[in-house]
PDB file of N, CA and C in Angstrom:
ATOM      1  N   UNK A   1      -0.506 -77.563 147.420  1.00  0.00           N
ATOM      2  CA  UNK A   1       0.882 -77.808 147.729  1.00  0.00           C
ATOM      3  C   UNK A   1       1.043 -77.803 149.249  1.00  0.00           C
ATOM      4  N   UNK A   2       1.932 -78.622 149.759  1.00  0.00           N
ATOM      5  CA  UNK A   2       2.186 -78.708 151.194  1.00  0.00           C
ATOM      6  C   UNK A   2       3.050 -77.530 151.651  1.00  0.00           C
ATOM      7  N   UNK A   3       2.792 -77.092 152.884  1.00  0.00           N
ATOM      8  CA  UNK A   3       3.546 -75.996 153.483  1.00  0.00           C
ATOM      9  C   UNK A   3       3.841 -76.334 154.933  1.00  0.00           C
ATOM     10  N   UNK A   4       4.861 -75.669 155.477  1.00  0.00           N
ATOM     11  CA  UNK A   4       5.246 -75.850 156.861  1.00  0.00           C
ATOM     12  C   UNK A   4       5.596 -74.493 157.454  1.00  0.00           C
ATOM     13  N   UNK A   5       4.969 -74.161 158.590  1.00  0.00           N
ATOM     14  CA  UNK A   5       5.308 -72.929 159.307  1.00  0.00           C
ATOM     15  C   UNK A   5       6.552 -73.167 160.145  1.00  0.00           C
ATOM     16  N   UNK A   6       7.478 -72.242 160.041  1.00  0.00           N
ATOM     17  CA  UNK A   6       8.745 -72.348 160.749  1.00  0.00           C
ATOM     18  C   UNK A   6       9.029 -70.998 161.402  1.00  0.00           C
ATOM     19  N   UNK A   7       9.468 -71.024 162.647  1.00  0.00           N
ATOM     20  CA  UNK A   7       9.826 -69.793 163.343  1.00  0.00           C
ATOM     21  C   UNK A   7      11.017 -69.129 162.648  1.00  0.00           C
ATOM     22  N   UNK A   8      11.081 -67.828 162.752  1.00  0.00           N
ATOM     23  CA  UNK A   8      12.280 -67.117 162.354  1.00  0.00           C
ATOM     24  C   UNK A   8      13.268 -67.185 163.512  1.00  0.00           C
ATOM     25  N   UNK A   9      14.529 -67.296 163.316  1.00  0.00           N
ATOM     26  CA  UNK A   9      15.263 -67.112 162.071  1.00  0.00           C
ATOM     27  C   UNK A   9      15.474 -68.383 161.258  1.00  0.00           C
ATOM     28  N   UNK A  10      14.836 -69.479 161.687  1.00  0.00           N
ATOM     29  CA  UNK A  10      15.076 -70.766 161.018  1.00  0.00           C
ATOM     30  C   UNK A  10      14.547 -70.784 159.586  1.00  0.00           C
ATOM     31  N   UNK A  11      13.402 -70.160 159.332  1.00  0.00           N
ATOM     32  CA  UNK A  11      12.889 -70.106 157.952  1.00  0.00           C
ATOM     33  C   UNK A  11      13.884 -69.371 157.063  1.00  0.00           C
ATOM     34  N   UNK A  12      14.418 -68.262 157.562  1.00  0.00           N
ATOM     35  CA  UNK A  12      15.431 -67.509 156.815  1.00  0.00           C
ATOM     36  C   UNK A  12      16.655 -68.385 156.551  1.00  0.00           C
ATOM     37  N   UNK A  13      17.100 -69.119 157.564  1.00  0.00           N
ATOM     38  CA  UNK A  13      18.304 -69.946 157.432  1.00  0.00           C
ATOM     39  C   UNK A  13      18.126 -71.039 156.383  1.00  0.00           C
ATOM     40  N   UNK A  14      16.940 -71.599 156.279  1.00  0.00           N
ATOM     41  CA  UNK A  14      16.680 -72.624 155.267  1.00  0.00           C
ATOM     42  C   UNK A  14      16.842 -72.050 153.865  1.00  0.00           C
ATOM     43  N   UNK A  15      16.340 -70.866 153.660  1.00  0.00           N
ATOM     44  CA  UNK A  15      16.338 -70.275 152.320  1.00  0.00           C
ATOM     45  C   UNK A  15      17.604 -69.483 151.986  1.00  0.00           C
ATOM     46  N   UNK A  16      18.357 -69.051 153.016  1.00  0.00           N
ATOM     47  CA  UNK A  16      19.479 -68.152 152.739  1.00  0.00           C
ATOM     48  C   UNK A  16      20.820 -68.549 153.356  1.00  0.00           C
ATOM     49  N   UNK A  17      20.832 -69.483 154.273  1.00  0.00           N
ATOM     50  CA  UNK A  17      22.074 -69.730 155.008  1.00  0.00           C
ATOM     51  C   UNK A  17      22.533 -71.183 154.989  1.00  0.00           C
ATOM     52  N   UNK A  18      21.972 -72.000 154.126  1.00  0.00           N
ATOM     53  CA  UNK A  18      22.455 -73.369 154.007  1.00  0.00           C
ATOM     54  C   UNK A  18      21.932 -74.353 155.033  1.00  0.00           C
ATOM     55  N   UNK A  19      20.837 -74.016 155.711  1.00  0.00           N
ATOM     56  CA  UNK A  19      20.239 -74.961 156.666  1.00  0.00           C
ATOM     57  C   UNK A  19      19.502 -76.030 155.852  1.00  0.00           C
ATOM     58  N   UNK A  20      20.024 -77.244 155.854  1.00  0.00           N
ATOM     59  CA  UNK A  20      19.487 -78.306 154.997  1.00  0.00           C
ATOM     60  C   UNK A  20      18.642 -79.318 155.754  1.00  0.00           C
ATOM     61  N   UNK A  21      18.363 -79.050 157.021  1.00  0.00           N
ATOM     62  CA  UNK A  21      17.470 -79.908 157.789  1.00  0.00           C
ATOM     63  C   UNK A  21      16.501 -79.042 158.577  1.00  0.00           C
ATOM     64  N   UNK A  22      15.304 -79.553 158.749  1.00  0.00           N
ATOM     65  CA  UNK A  22      14.347 -78.933 159.663  1.00  0.00           C
ATOM     66  C   UNK A  22      14.150 -79.932 160.789  1.00  0.00           C
ATOM     67  N   UNK A  23      14.496 -79.533 162.001  1.00  0.00           N
ATOM     68  CA  UNK A  23      14.407 -80.403 163.165  1.00  0.00           C
ATOM     69  C   UNK A  23      12.973 -80.435 163.673  1.00  0.00           C
ATOM     70  N   UNK A  24      12.439 -81.623 163.778  1.00  0.00           N
ATOM     71  CA  UNK A  24      11.056 -81.801 164.229  1.00  0.00           C
ATOM     72  C   UNK A  24      11.007 -82.919 165.253  1.00  0.00           C
ATOM     73  N   UNK A  25       9.926 -82.977 165.975  1.00  0.00           N
ATOM     74  CA  UNK A  25       9.712 -84.050 166.937  1.00  0.00           C
ATOM     75  C   UNK A  25       8.912 -85.192 166.347  1.00  0.00           C
ATOM     76  N   UNK A  26       8.533 -85.072 165.095  1.00  0.00           N
ATOM     77  CA  UNK A  26       7.689 -86.074 164.456  1.00  0.00           C
ATOM     78  C   UNK A  26       8.140 -86.277 163.014  1.00  0.00           C
ATOM     79  N   UNK A  27       8.057 -87.516 162.535  1.00  0.00           N
ATOM     80  CA  UNK A  27       8.427 -87.805 161.147  1.00  0.00           C
ATOM     81  C   UNK A  27       7.262 -87.542 160.196  1.00  0.00           C
ATOM     82  N   UNK A  28       7.570 -87.512 158.933  1.00  0.00           N
ATOM     83  CA  UNK A  28       6.547 -87.419 157.891  1.00  0.00           C
ATOM     84  C   UNK A  28       6.909 -88.367 156.761  1.00  0.00           C
ATOM     85  N   UNK A  29       5.892 -88.872 156.106  1.00  0.00           N
ATOM     86  CA  UNK A  29       6.111 -89.713 154.925  1.00  0.00           C
ATOM     87  C   UNK A  29       6.107 -88.877 153.652  1.00  0.00           C
ATOM     88  N   UNK A  30       5.711 -87.610 153.798  1.00  0.00           N
ATOM     89  CA  UNK A  30       5.631 -86.741 152.621  1.00  0.00           C
ATOM     90  C   UNK A  30       7.025 -86.483 152.052  1.00  0.00           C
ATOM     91  N   UNK A  31       7.140 -86.518 150.736  1.00  0.00           N
ATOM     92  CA  UNK A  31       8.343 -86.136 150.006  1.00  0.00           C
ATOM     93  C   UNK A  31       7.880 -85.287 148.832  1.00  0.00           C
ATOM     94  N   UNK A  32       8.631 -84.251 148.532  1.00  0.00           N
ATOM     95  CA  UNK A  32       8.289 -83.411 147.396  1.00  0.00           C
ATOM     96  C   UNK A  32       8.431 -81.937 147.738  1.00  0.00           C
ATOM     97  N   UNK A  33       7.852 -81.073 146.895  1.00  0.00           N
ATOM     98  CA  UNK A  33       7.974 -79.636 147.122  1.00  0.00           C
ATOM     99  C   UNK A  33       7.294 -79.231 148.424  1.00  0.00           C
ATOM    100  N   UNK A  34       7.921 -78.296 149.120  1.00  0.00           N
ATOM    101  CA  UNK A  34       7.418 -77.854 150.417  1.00  0.00           C
ATOM    102  C   UNK A  34       7.577 -76.339 150.511  1.00  0.00           C
ATOM    103  N   UNK A  35       6.455 -75.660 150.703  1.00  0.00           N
ATOM    104  CA  UNK A  35       6.485 -74.213 150.896  1.00  0.00           C
ATOM    105  C   UNK A  35       6.985 -73.901 152.291  1.00  0.00           C
ATOM    106  N   UNK A  36       7.816 -72.880 152.401  1.00  0.00           N
ATOM    107  CA  UNK A  36       8.337 -72.443 153.692  1.00  0.00           C
ATOM    108  C   UNK A  36       7.579 -71.195 154.125  1.00  0.00           C
ATOM    109  N   UNK A  37       6.863 -71.336 155.228  1.00  0.00           N
ATOM    110  CA  UNK A  37       6.091 -70.226 155.803  1.00  0.00           C
ATOM    111  C   UNK A  37       6.805 -69.744 157.057  1.00  0.00           C
ATOM    112  N   UNK A  38       7.001 -68.430 157.166  1.00  0.00           N
ATOM    113  CA  UNK A  38       7.603 -67.847 158.368  1.00  0.00           C
ATOM    114  C   UNK A  38       6.494 -67.463 159.331  1.00  0.00           C
ATOM    115  N   UNK A  39       6.473 -68.103 160.479  1.00  0.00           N
ATOM    116  CA  UNK A  39       5.439 -67.803 161.459  1.00  0.00           C
ATOM    117  C   UNK A  39       5.698 -66.435 162.095  1.00  0.00           C
ATOM    118  N   UNK A  40       4.701 -65.941 162.811  1.00  0.00           N
ATOM    119  CA  UNK A  40       4.796 -64.605 163.398  1.00  0.00           C
ATOM    120  C   UNK A  40       5.458 -64.583 164.766  1.00  0.00           C
ATOM    121  N   UNK A  41       5.603 -65.729 165.386  1.00  0.00           N
ATOM    122  CA  UNK A  41       6.142 -65.762 166.744  1.00  0.00           C
ATOM    123  C   UNK A  41       7.614 -65.362 166.775  1.00  0.00           C
ATOM    124  N   UNK A  42       7.988 -64.717 167.845  1.00  0.00           N
ATOM    125  CA  UNK A  42       9.358 -64.243 168.003  1.00  0.00           C
ATOM    126  C   UNK A  42      10.130 -65.078 169.029  1.00  0.00           C
ATOM    127  N   UNK A  43       9.502 -66.046 169.644  1.00  0.00           N
ATOM    128  CA  UNK A  43      10.110 -66.770 170.762  1.00  0.00           C
ATOM    129  C   UNK A  43      11.424 -67.466 170.389  1.00  0.00           C
ATOM    130  N   UNK A  44      11.505 -68.107 169.248  1.00  0.00           N
ATOM    131  CA  UNK A  44      12.755 -68.769 168.850  1.00  0.00           C
ATOM    132  C   UNK A  44      13.856 -67.750 168.610  1.00  0.00           C
ATOM    133  N   UNK A  45      13.504 -66.648 167.990  1.00  0.00           N
ATOM    134  CA  UNK A  45      14.499 -65.609 167.707  1.00  0.00           C
ATOM    135  C   UNK A  45      15.097 -65.078 169.001  1.00  0.00           C
ATOM    136  N   UNK A  46      14.270 -64.832 169.975  1.00  0.00           N
ATOM    137  CA  UNK A  46      14.743 -64.251 171.230  1.00  0.00           C
ATOM    138  C   UNK A  46      15.658 -65.192 172.008  1.00  0.00           C
ATOM    139  N   UNK A  47      15.612 -66.481 171.719  1.00  0.00           N
ATOM    140  CA  UNK A  47      16.495 -67.442 172.400  1.00  0.00           C
ATOM    141  C   UNK A  47      17.881 -67.502 171.758  1.00  0.00           C
ATOM    142  N   UNK A  48      18.039 -66.942 170.583  1.00  0.00           N
ATOM    143  CA  UNK A  48      19.302 -67.037 169.858  1.00  0.00           C
ATOM    144  C   UNK A  48      20.265 -65.927 170.277  1.00  0.00           C
ATOM    145  N   UNK A  49      21.538 -66.249 170.342  1.00  0.00           N
ATOM    146  CA  UNK A  49      22.574 -65.274 170.664  1.00  0.00           C
ATOM    147  C   UNK A  49      23.261 -64.846 169.363  1.00  0.00           C
ATOM    148  N   UNK A  50      23.260 -63.564 169.102  1.00  0.00           N
ATOM    149  CA  UNK A  50      23.808 -63.035 167.851  1.00  0.00           C
ATOM    150  C   UNK A  50      25.246 -63.497 167.605  1.00  0.00           C
ATOM    151  N   UNK A  51      26.096 -63.410 168.612  1.00  0.00           N
ATOM    152  CA  UNK A  51      27.495 -63.768 168.421  1.00  0.00           C
ATOM    153  C   UNK A  51      27.674 -65.262 168.181  1.00  0.00           C
ATOM    154  N   UNK A  52      26.865 -66.077 168.838  1.00  0.00           N
ATOM    155  CA  UNK A  52      26.974 -67.518 168.646  1.00  0.00           C
ATOM    156  C   UNK A  52      26.636 -67.928 167.223  1.00  0.00           C
ATOM    157  N   UNK A  53      25.705 -67.243 166.604  1.00  0.00           N
ATOM    158  CA  UNK A  53      25.320 -67.609 165.244  1.00  0.00           C
ATOM    159  C   UNK A  53      26.512 -67.589 164.299  1.00  0.00           C
ATOM    160  N   UNK A  54      27.279 -66.537 164.359  1.00  0.00           N
ATOM    161  CA  UNK A  54      28.443 -66.424 163.481  1.00  0.00           C
ATOM    162  C   UNK A  54      29.427 -67.557 163.747  1.00  0.00           C
ATOM    163  N   UNK A  55      29.668 -67.867 165.012  1.00  0.00           N
ATOM    164  CA  UNK A  55      30.620 -68.929 165.360  1.00  0.00           C
ATOM    165  C   UNK A  55      30.106 -70.313 165.028  1.00  0.00           C
ATOM    166  N   UNK A  56      28.833 -70.563 165.294  1.00  0.00           N
ATOM    167  CA  UNK A  56      28.276 -71.905 165.119  1.00  0.00           C
ATOM    168  C   UNK A  56      27.870 -72.175 163.668  1.00  0.00           C
ATOM    169  N   UNK A  57      27.175 -71.226 163.051  1.00  0.00           N
ATOM    170  CA  UNK A  57      26.611 -71.459 161.723  1.00  0.00           C
ATOM    171  C   UNK A  57      27.381 -70.797 160.582  1.00  0.00           C
ATOM    172  N   UNK A  58      28.305 -69.903 160.911  1.00  0.00           N
ATOM    173  CA  UNK A  58      29.103 -69.257 159.875  1.00  0.00           C
ATOM    174  C   UNK A  58      28.393 -68.130 159.146  1.00  0.00           C
ATOM    175  N   UNK A  59      27.273 -67.689 159.669  1.00  0.00           N
ATOM    176  CA  UNK A  59      26.527 -66.565 159.092  1.00  0.00           C
ATOM    177  C   UNK A  59      26.040 -65.675 160.232  1.00  0.00           C
ATOM    178  N   UNK A  60      25.857 -64.413 159.919  1.00  0.00           N
ATOM    179  CA  UNK A  60      25.359 -63.482 160.926  1.00  0.00           C
ATOM    180  C   UNK A  60      23.854 -63.644 161.083  1.00  0.00           C
ATOM    181  N   UNK A  61      23.386 -63.566 162.297  1.00  0.00           N
ATOM    182  CA  UNK A  61      21.953 -63.601 162.586  1.00  0.00           C
ATOM    183  C   UNK A  61      21.353 -62.262 162.174  1.00  0.00           C
ATOM    184  N   UNK A  62      20.393 -62.273 161.250  1.00  0.00           N
ATOM    185  CA  UNK A  62      19.774 -61.006 160.851  1.00  0.00           C
ATOM    186  C   UNK A  62      19.035 -60.369 162.019  1.00  0.00           C
ATOM    187  N   UNK A  63      18.896 -59.058 161.972  1.00  0.00           N
ATOM    188  CA  UNK A  63      18.086 -58.379 162.981  1.00  0.00           C
ATOM    189  C   UNK A  63      16.628 -58.757 162.762  1.00  0.00           C
ATOM    190  N   UNK A  64      15.852 -58.797 163.835  1.00  0.00           N
ATOM    191  CA  UNK A  64      14.444 -59.172 163.751  1.00  0.00           C
ATOM    192  C   UNK A  64      13.715 -58.332 162.698  1.00  0.00           C
ATOM    193  N   UNK A  65      14.015 -57.052 162.648  1.00  0.00           N
ATOM    194  CA  UNK A  65      13.337 -56.140 161.722  1.00  0.00           C
ATOM    195  C   UNK A  65      13.617 -56.471 160.255  1.00  0.00           C
ATOM    196  N   UNK A  66      14.661 -57.223 159.984  1.00  0.00           N
ATOM    197  CA  UNK A  66      15.013 -57.598 158.612  1.00  0.00           C
ATOM    198  C   UNK A  66      14.297 -58.873 158.157  1.00  0.00           C
ATOM    199  N   UNK A  67      13.696 -59.593 159.090  1.00  0.00           N
ATOM    200  CA  UNK A  67      13.063 -60.874 158.772  1.00  0.00           C
ATOM    201  C   UNK A  67      11.583 -60.681 158.459  1.00  0.00           C
ATOM    202  N   UNK A  68      11.121 -61.405 157.469  1.00  0.00           N
ATOM    203  CA  UNK A  68       9.706 -61.392 157.097  1.00  0.00           C
ATOM    204  C   UNK A  68       8.987 -62.420 157.956  1.00  0.00           C
ATOM    205  N   UNK A  69       7.797 -62.068 158.434  1.00  0.00           N
ATOM    206  CA  UNK A  69       6.986 -63.002 159.214  1.00  0.00           C
ATOM    207  C   UNK A  69       5.574 -63.032 158.636  1.00  0.00           C
ATOM    208  N   UNK A  70       4.840 -64.092 158.951  1.00  0.00           N
ATOM    209  CA  UNK A  70       3.459 -64.215 158.509  1.00  0.00           C
ATOM    210  C   UNK A  70       3.311 -64.315 157.004  1.00  0.00           C
ATOM    211  N   UNK A  71       4.238 -65.016 156.358  1.00  0.00           N
ATOM    212  CA  UNK A  71       4.205 -65.089 154.896  1.00  0.00           C
ATOM    213  C   UNK A  71       4.896 -66.358 154.394  1.00  0.00           C
ATOM    214  N   UNK A  72       4.527 -66.736 153.173  1.00  0.00           N
ATOM    215  CA  UNK A  72       5.233 -67.789 152.446  1.00  0.00           C
ATOM    216  C   UNK A  72       6.460 -67.132 151.817  1.00  0.00           C
ATOM    217  N   UNK A  73       7.637 -67.676 152.098  1.00  0.00           N
ATOM    218  CA  UNK A  73       8.884 -67.048 151.660  1.00  0.00           C
ATOM    219  C   UNK A  73       9.518 -67.709 150.453  1.00  0.00           C
ATOM    220  N   UNK A  74       9.237 -68.988 150.278  1.00  0.00           N
ATOM    221  CA  UNK A  74       9.867 -69.741 149.195  1.00  0.00           C
ATOM    222  C   UNK A  74       9.535 -71.199 149.335  1.00  0.00           C
ATOM    223  N   UNK A  75      10.335 -72.015 148.683  1.00  0.00           N
ATOM    224  CA  UNK A  75      10.091 -73.450 148.751  1.00  0.00           C
ATOM    225  C   UNK A  75      11.389 -74.238 148.698  1.00  0.00           C
ATOM    226  N   UNK A  76      11.291 -75.470 149.143  1.00  0.00           N
ATOM    227  CA  UNK A  76      12.395 -76.422 149.113  1.00  0.00           C
ATOM    228  C   UNK A  76      11.831 -77.759 148.649  1.00  0.00           C
ATOM    229  N   UNK A  77      12.712 -78.706 148.454  1.00  0.00           N
ATOM    230  CA  UNK A  77      12.288 -80.078 148.208  1.00  0.00           C
ATOM    231  C   UNK A  77      12.553 -80.874 149.478  1.00  0.00           C
ATOM    232  N   UNK A  78      11.534 -81.507 149.994  1.00  0.00           N
ATOM    233  CA  UNK A  78      11.683 -82.390 151.146  1.00  0.00           C
ATOM    234  C   UNK A  78      12.072 -83.755 150.583  1.00  0.00           C
ATOM    235  N   UNK A  79      13.332 -84.147 150.803  1.00  0.00           N
ATOM    236  CA  UNK A  79      13.854 -85.344 150.145  1.00  0.00           C
ATOM    237  C   UNK A  79      13.968 -86.563 151.042  1.00  0.00           C
ATOM    238  N   UNK A  80      13.927 -86.351 152.373  1.00  0.00           N
ATOM    239  CA  UNK A  80      14.025 -87.494 153.274  1.00  0.00           C
ATOM    240  C   UNK A  80      13.606 -87.067 154.678  1.00  0.00           C
ATOM    241  N   UNK A  81      13.415 -88.049 155.521  1.00  0.00           N
ATOM    242  CA  UNK A  81      13.056 -87.808 156.918  1.00  0.00           C
ATOM    243  C   UNK A  81      13.748 -88.899 157.727  1.00  0.00           C
ATOM    244  N   UNK A  82      14.701 -88.487 158.583  1.00  0.00           N
ATOM    245  CA  UNK A  82      15.558 -89.449 159.261  1.00  0.00           C
ATOM    246  C   UNK A  82      15.743 -89.098 160.731  1.00  0.00           C
ATOM    247  N   UNK A  83      16.041 -90.101 161.561  1.00  0.00           N
ATOM    248  CA  UNK A  83      16.466 -89.781 162.925  1.00  0.00           C
ATOM    249  C   UNK A  83      17.769 -88.975 162.856  1.00  0.00           C
ATOM    250  N   UNK A  84      17.953 -88.066 163.777  1.00  0.00           N
ATOM    251  CA  UNK A  84      19.135 -87.191 163.748  1.00  0.00           C
ATOM    252  C   UNK A  84      20.440 -87.977 163.699  1.00  0.00           C
ATOM    253  N   UNK A  85      20.475 -89.142 164.349  1.00  0.00           N
ATOM    254  CA  UNK A  85      21.706 -89.935 164.379  1.00  0.00           C
ATOM    255  C   UNK A  85      22.094 -90.481 163.006  1.00  0.00           C
ATOM    256  N   UNK A  86      21.180 -90.451 162.039  1.00  0.00           N
ATOM    257  CA  UNK A  86      21.468 -90.960 160.697  1.00  0.00           C
ATOM    258  C   UNK A  86      21.774 -89.855 159.686  1.00  0.00           C
ATOM    259  N   UNK A  87      21.811 -88.612 160.153  1.00  0.00           N
ATOM    260  CA  UNK A  87      22.051 -87.483 159.269  1.00  0.00           C
ATOM    261  C   UNK A  87      23.515 -87.069 159.378  1.00  0.00           C
ATOM    262  N   UNK A  88      24.103 -86.671 158.260  1.00  0.00           N
ATOM    263  CA  UNK A  88      25.479 -86.187 158.257  1.00  0.00           C
ATOM    264  C   UNK A  88      25.626 -85.081 159.302  1.00  0.00           C
ATOM    265  N   UNK A  89      26.611 -85.176 160.172  1.00  0.00           N
ATOM    266  CA  UNK A  89      26.769 -84.158 161.218  1.00  0.00           C
ATOM    267  C   UNK A  89      26.852 -82.743 160.638  1.00  0.00           C
ATOM    268  N   UNK A  90      26.174 -81.841 161.298  1.00  0.00           N
ATOM    269  CA  UNK A  90      26.105 -80.444 160.881  1.00  0.00           C
ATOM    270  C   UNK A  90      25.662 -79.637 162.094  1.00  0.00           C
ATOM    271  N   UNK A  91      26.065 -78.374 162.179  1.00  0.00           N
ATOM    272  CA  UNK A  91      25.588 -77.575 163.307  1.00  0.00           C
ATOM    273  C   UNK A  91      24.077 -77.357 163.283  1.00  0.00           C
ATOM    274  N   UNK A  92      23.443 -77.591 162.137  1.00  0.00           N
ATOM    275  CA  UNK A  92      21.991 -77.406 162.025  1.00  0.00           C
ATOM    276  C   UNK A  92      21.215 -78.610 162.560  1.00  0.00           C
ATOM    277  N   UNK A  93      21.865 -79.743 162.710  1.00  0.00           N
ATOM    278  CA  UNK A  93      21.187 -80.978 163.121  1.00  0.00           C
ATOM    279  C   UNK A  93      21.024 -81.014 164.637  1.00  0.00           C
ATOM    280  N   UNK A  94      19.765 -81.093 165.078  1.00  0.00           N
ATOM    281  CA  UNK A  94      19.463 -81.236 166.500  1.00  0.00           C
ATOM    282  C   UNK A  94      18.528 -82.416 166.737  1.00  0.00           C
ATOM    283  N   UNK A  95      17.578 -82.618 165.825  1.00  0.00           N
ATOM    284  CA  UNK A  95      16.646 -83.723 165.944  1.00  0.00           C
ATOM    285  C   UNK A  95      15.518 -83.441 166.911  1.00  0.00           C
ATOM    286  N   UNK A  96      14.823 -84.436 167.364  1.00  0.00           N
ATOM    287  CA  UNK A  96      15.143 -85.860 167.202  1.00  0.00           C
ATOM    288  C   UNK A  96      14.936 -86.388 165.784  1.00  0.00           C
ATOM    289  N   UNK A  97      14.087 -85.704 165.011  1.00  0.00           N
ATOM    290  CA  UNK A  97      13.838 -86.128 163.636  1.00  0.00           C
ATOM    291  C   UNK A  97      14.263 -84.992 162.712  1.00  0.00           C
ATOM    292  N   UNK A  98      14.964 -85.337 161.653  1.00  0.00           N
ATOM    293  CA  UNK A  98      15.419 -84.328 160.695  1.00  0.00           C
ATOM    294  C   UNK A  98      14.720 -84.515 159.356  1.00  0.00           C
ATOM    295  N   UNK A  99      14.039 -83.462 158.937  1.00  0.00           N
ATOM    296  CA  UNK A  99      13.483 -83.421 157.595  1.00  0.00           C
ATOM    297  C   UNK A  99      14.588 -82.885 156.701  1.00  0.00           C
ATOM    298  N   UNK A 100      15.038 -83.686 155.762  1.00  0.00           N
ATOM    299  CA  UNK A 100      16.170 -83.321 154.920  1.00  0.00           C
ATOM    300  C   UNK A 100      15.657 -82.509 153.726  1.00  0.00           C
ATOM    301  N   UNK A 101      16.228 -81.303 153.575  1.00  0.00           N
ATOM    302  CA  UNK A 101      15.762 -80.344 152.581  1.00  0.00           C
ATOM    303  C   UNK A 101      16.820 -80.108 151.514  1.00  0.00           C
ATOM    304  N   UNK A 102      16.370 -79.804 150.302  1.00  0.00           N
ATOM    305  CA  UNK A 102      17.283 -79.519 149.195  1.00  0.00           C
ATOM    306  C   UNK A 102      16.661 -78.460 148.294  1.00  0.00           C
ATOM    307  N   UNK A 103      17.510 -77.855 147.477  1.00  0.00           N
ATOM    308  CA  UNK A 103      17.079 -76.956 146.413  1.00  0.00           C
ATOM    309  C   UNK A 103      16.217 -75.787 146.904  1.00  0.00           C
ATOM    310  N   UNK A 104      16.721 -74.967 147.829  1.00  0.00           N
ATOM    311  CA  UNK A 104      15.917 -73.835 148.298  1.00  0.00           C
ATOM    312  C   UNK A 104      15.717 -72.781 147.209  1.00  0.00           C
ATOM    313  N   UNK A 105      14.490 -72.281 147.109  1.00  0.00           N
ATOM    314  CA  UNK A 105      14.140 -71.228 146.154  1.00  0.00           C
ATOM    315  C   UNK A 105      13.323 -70.174 146.883  1.00  0.00           C
ATOM    316  N   UNK A 106      13.727 -68.938 146.774  1.00  0.00           N
ATOM    317  CA  UNK A 106      12.969 -67.866 147.406  1.00  0.00           C
ATOM    318  C   UNK A 106      12.023 -67.237 146.395  1.00  0.00           C
ATOM    319  N   UNK A 107      10.930 -66.719 146.883  1.00  0.00           N
ATOM    320  CA  UNK A 107       9.999 -65.981 146.031  1.00  0.00           C
ATOM    321  C   UNK A 107      10.507 -64.559 145.855  1.00  0.00           C
ATOM    322  N   UNK A 108      10.189 -63.949 144.727  1.00  0.00           N
ATOM    323  CA  UNK A 108      10.564 -62.553 144.506  1.00  0.00           C
ATOM    324  C   UNK A 108       9.962 -61.655 145.576  1.00  0.00           C
ATOM    325  N   UNK A 109       8.725 -61.944 145.949  1.00  0.00           N
ATOM    326  CA  UNK A 109       8.037 -61.202 147.001  1.00  0.00           C
ATOM    327  C   UNK A 109       7.370 -62.211 147.926  1.00  0.00           C
ATOM    328  N   UNK A 110       7.501 -62.013 149.245  1.00  0.00           N
ATOM    329  CA  UNK A 110       6.788 -62.897 150.182  1.00  0.00           C
ATOM    330  C   UNK A 110       5.279 -62.807 149.949  1.00  0.00           C
ATOM    331  N   UNK A 111       4.594 -63.914 150.191  1.00  0.00           N
ATOM    332  CA  UNK A 111       3.145 -63.971 150.025  1.00  0.00           C
ATOM    333  C   UNK A 111       2.513 -64.033 151.410  1.00  0.00           C
ATOM    334  N   UNK A 112       1.846 -62.953 151.836  1.00  0.00           N
ATOM    335  CA  UNK A 112       1.216 -62.990 153.160  1.00  0.00           C
ATOM    336  C   UNK A 112       0.275 -64.196 153.261  1.00  0.00           C
ATOM    337  N   UNK A 113       0.407 -64.936 154.375  1.00  0.00           N
ATOM    338  CA  UNK A 113      -0.385 -66.156 154.529  1.00  0.00           C
ATOM    339  C   UNK A 113      -0.465 -66.494 156.005  1.00  0.00           C
ATOM    340  N   UNK A 114      -1.575 -67.041 156.392  1.00  0.00           N
ATOM    341  CA  UNK A 114      -1.735 -67.499 157.776  1.00  0.00           C
ATOM    342  C   UNK A 114      -1.181 -68.912 157.889  1.00  0.00           C
ATOM    343  N   UNK A 115      -0.294 -69.111 158.824  1.00  0.00           N
ATOM    344  CA  UNK A 115       0.296 -70.422 159.023  1.00  0.00           C
ATOM    345  C   UNK A 115      -0.580 -71.332 159.860  1.00  0.00           C
ATOM    346  N   UNK A 116      -0.169 -72.576 159.960  1.00  0.00           N
ATOM    347  CA  UNK A 116      -0.872 -73.573 160.754  1.00  0.00           C
ATOM    348  C   UNK A 116       0.160 -74.516 161.353  1.00  0.00           C
ATOM    349  N   UNK A 117      -0.286 -75.299 162.309  1.00  0.00           N
ATOM    350  CA  UNK A 117       0.605 -76.314 162.862  1.00  0.00           C
ATOM    351  C   UNK A 117       0.633 -77.522 161.940  1.00  0.00           C
ATOM    352  N   UNK A 118       1.753 -78.210 161.936  1.00  0.00           N
ATOM    353  CA  UNK A 118       1.898 -79.389 161.099  1.00  0.00           C
ATOM    354  C   UNK A 118       1.991 -79.027 159.629  1.00  0.00           C
ATOM    355  N   UNK A 119       1.973 -80.029 158.798  1.00  0.00           N
ATOM    356  CA  UNK A 119       1.927 -79.784 157.356  1.00  0.00           C
ATOM    357  C   UNK A 119       0.531 -79.298 157.017  1.00  0.00           C
ATOM    358  N   UNK A 120       0.443 -78.295 156.156  1.00  0.00           N
ATOM    359  CA  UNK A 120      -0.862 -77.820 155.743  1.00  0.00           C
ATOM    360  C   UNK A 120      -0.855 -77.547 154.246  1.00  0.00           C
ATOM    361  N   UNK A 121      -2.032 -77.518 153.671  1.00  0.00           N
ATOM    362  CA  UNK A 121      -2.173 -77.336 152.220  1.00  0.00           C
ATOM    363  C   UNK A 121      -2.385 -75.870 151.871  1.00  0.00           C
ATOM    364  N   UNK A 122      -1.723 -75.450 150.818  1.00  0.00           N
ATOM    365  CA  UNK A 122      -1.920 -74.128 150.235  1.00  0.00           C
ATOM    366  C   UNK A 122      -2.375 -74.369 148.801  1.00  0.00           C
ATOM    367  N   UNK A 123      -3.577 -73.862 148.457  1.00  0.00           N
ATOM    368  CA  UNK A 123      -4.060 -74.108 147.094  1.00  0.00           C
ATOM    369  C   UNK A 123      -3.231 -73.387 146.036  1.00  0.00           C
TER     370      UNK A 123
END
């Protein structure tokens, strides 16, 4: 099955906060089930402002200690891949390329896993 490593808090937002796009710099032709892996890096989290999250996204930014890292957290369906200008406006849309996601499902327990760059296979 295909998987994608995503920095926190974005992996959390996909599975719990209604983030229906993953912003990437590259398109993919892949469509279908996609495992969401939370990478271990904290750099994206540290750039986020707690108060802005509530105003911009309508949800509170979880504390770093509440987020799972280095694990497969759940899955979504990758249903399309479009330039940002062709996606319904949303605070989650940044682009330049948006992977359109649907049907988020979380696992009962995260599965520790080593992530990789790009799409990668998990047996």
